[in-house]
Amino acid sequence: MRAKREYRDRAETEVAVLDALVDRAEEGMTIFELRAAAEVDIDELEAALATLKEDDLIDVESNTSETVIKPDDRVVPEVPTDDEDDQSVGDWLRDRLPF
């Protein structure tokens, strides 16, 4: 599942993190799981997480054994749609142009 459309106009790493978190919204993800899912280096991930936390788009829950990151409820779509895999023209261009 993908994050809501209004949260997709962000840096590529931030969108990848939000999409990964939305897929596992109930249980959340650790830093290592996020790094593997988003396929970015730790510095990019750290910067993306800092920005998303600052914008209140993620929740961080720490307990004695691990830290789990979950998406904020407003980022998760209410009902998954059948057209999740459809890309907007802007998304398509963003993926193909080197800007």
Protein backbone atom coordinates (compact mmCIF):
# COMPACT_ATOMS: atom_id res chain seq x y z
CA MET A 1 0.00 0.00 0.00
CA ARG A 2 1.15 3.53 -0.61
CA ALA A 3 0.91 6.64 1.54
CA LYS A 4 -1.91 9.06 0.77
CA ARG A 5 -1.45 11.15 -2.34
CA GLU A 6 -1.09 14.43 -0.42
CA TYR A 7 2.08 13.07 1.26
CA ARG A 8 3.75 11.89 -1.95
CA ASP A 9 5.12 15.31 -2.98
CA ARG A 10 8.19 14.94 -0.78
CA ALA A 11 11.79 13.84 -1.23
CA GLU A 12 12.17 10.37 -2.76
CA THR A 13 13.60 8.85 0.43
CA GLU A 14 10.79 10.28 2.56
CA VAL A 15 8.16 8.80 0.23
CA ALA A 16 9.93 5.43 0.26
CA VAL A 17 9.95 5.47 4.08
CA LEU A 18 6.27 6.44 4.29
CA ASP A 19 5.29 3.73 1.79
CA ALA A 20 7.23 1.09 3.72
CA LEU A 21 5.65 2.19 7.00
CA VAL A 22 2.14 2.23 5.53
CA ASP A 23 2.63 -1.39 4.43
CA ARG A 24 3.27 -2.33 8.06
CA ALA A 25 1.22 0.33 9.82
CA GLU A 26 -0.02 -1.90 12.65
CA GLU A 27 3.27 -3.41 13.79
CA GLY A 28 5.66 -0.66 12.66
CA MET A 29 9.27 -1.13 11.60
CA THR A 30 12.71 -0.88 13.16
CA ILE A 31 15.45 1.27 11.68
CA PHE A 32 17.09 -1.78 10.12
CA GLU A 33 13.84 -2.96 8.53
CA LEU A 34 13.21 0.55 7.17
CA ARG A 35 16.71 0.78 5.76
CA ALA A 36 16.24 -2.51 3.90
CA ALA A 37 12.74 -1.64 2.67
CA ALA A 38 13.64 1.87 1.47
CA GLU A 39 16.99 0.73 0.02
CA VAL A 40 18.88 3.86 1.12
CA ASP A 41 22.02 4.44 3.13
CA ILE A 42 21.80 5.25 6.81
CA ASP A 43 22.56 8.98 6.36
CA GLU A 44 19.69 9.43 3.89
CA LEU A 45 17.39 7.44 6.15
CA GLU A 46 18.35 9.49 9.19
CA ALA A 47 17.67 12.76 7.37
CA ALA A 48 14.32 11.50 6.05
CA LEU A 49 13.23 10.27 9.49
CA ALA A 50 14.20 13.59 11.08
CA THR A 51 12.13 15.53 8.53
CA LEU A 52 9.14 13.18 8.83
CA LYS A 53 9.27 13.35 12.65
CA GLU A 54 9.52 17.14 12.53
CA ASP A 55 6.42 17.23 10.29
CA ASP A 56 4.58 14.81 12.66
CA LEU A 57 4.13 12.19 9.94
CA ILE A 58 5.69 9.35 11.96
CA ASP A 59 5.44 8.13 15.54
CA VAL A 60 8.44 6.68 17.34
CA GLU A 61 7.82 4.16 20.12
CA SER A 62 10.73 3.06 22.26
CA ASN A 63 10.75 0.21 24.72
CA THR A 64 13.59 -1.55 26.48
CA SER A 65 14.52 -3.84 23.59
CA GLU A 66 13.90 -1.82 20.40
CA THR A 67 12.61 1.33 18.77
CA VAL A 68 9.64 0.95 16.44
CA ILE A 69 8.56 3.58 13.94
CA LYS A 70 4.96 3.80 12.75
CA PRO A 71 3.22 6.13 10.30
CA ASP A 72 0.87 8.73 11.67
CA ASP A 73 -2.77 7.73 11.14
CA ARG A 74 -3.38 10.58 8.69
CA VAL A 75 -0.75 9.17 6.29
CA VAL A 76 -2.42 5.74 6.02
CA PRO A 77 -5.22 5.52 3.44
CA GLU A 78 -8.58 4.53 4.97
CA VAL A 79 -9.51 2.04 2.28
CA PRO A 80 -7.02 0.52 -0.11
CA THR A 81 -8.01 1.22 -3.69
CA ASP A 82 -7.62 -0.97 -6.73
CA ASP A 83 -5.66 1.74 -8.53
CA GLU A 84 -2.77 1.82 -6.04
CA ASP A 85 -0.30 0.90 -8.75
CA ASP A 86 -1.43 3.73 -11.02
CA GLN A 87 1.10 6.51 -11.20
CA SER A 88 0.22 10.09 -11.78
CA VAL A 89 1.90 11.85 -14.67
CA GLY A 90 3.97 13.82 -12.17
CA ASP A 91 5.15 10.64 -10.42
CA TRP A 92 6.00 9.06 -13.77
CA LEU A 93 8.03 12.11 -14.86
CA ARG A 94 9.76 12.37 -11.47
CA ASP A 95 10.88 8.74 -11.75
CA ARG A 96 12.32 9.22 -15.23
CA LEU A 97 13.83 12.69 -15.25
CA PRO A 98 17.15 13.29 -13.49
CA PHE A 99 16.10 16.36 -11.50
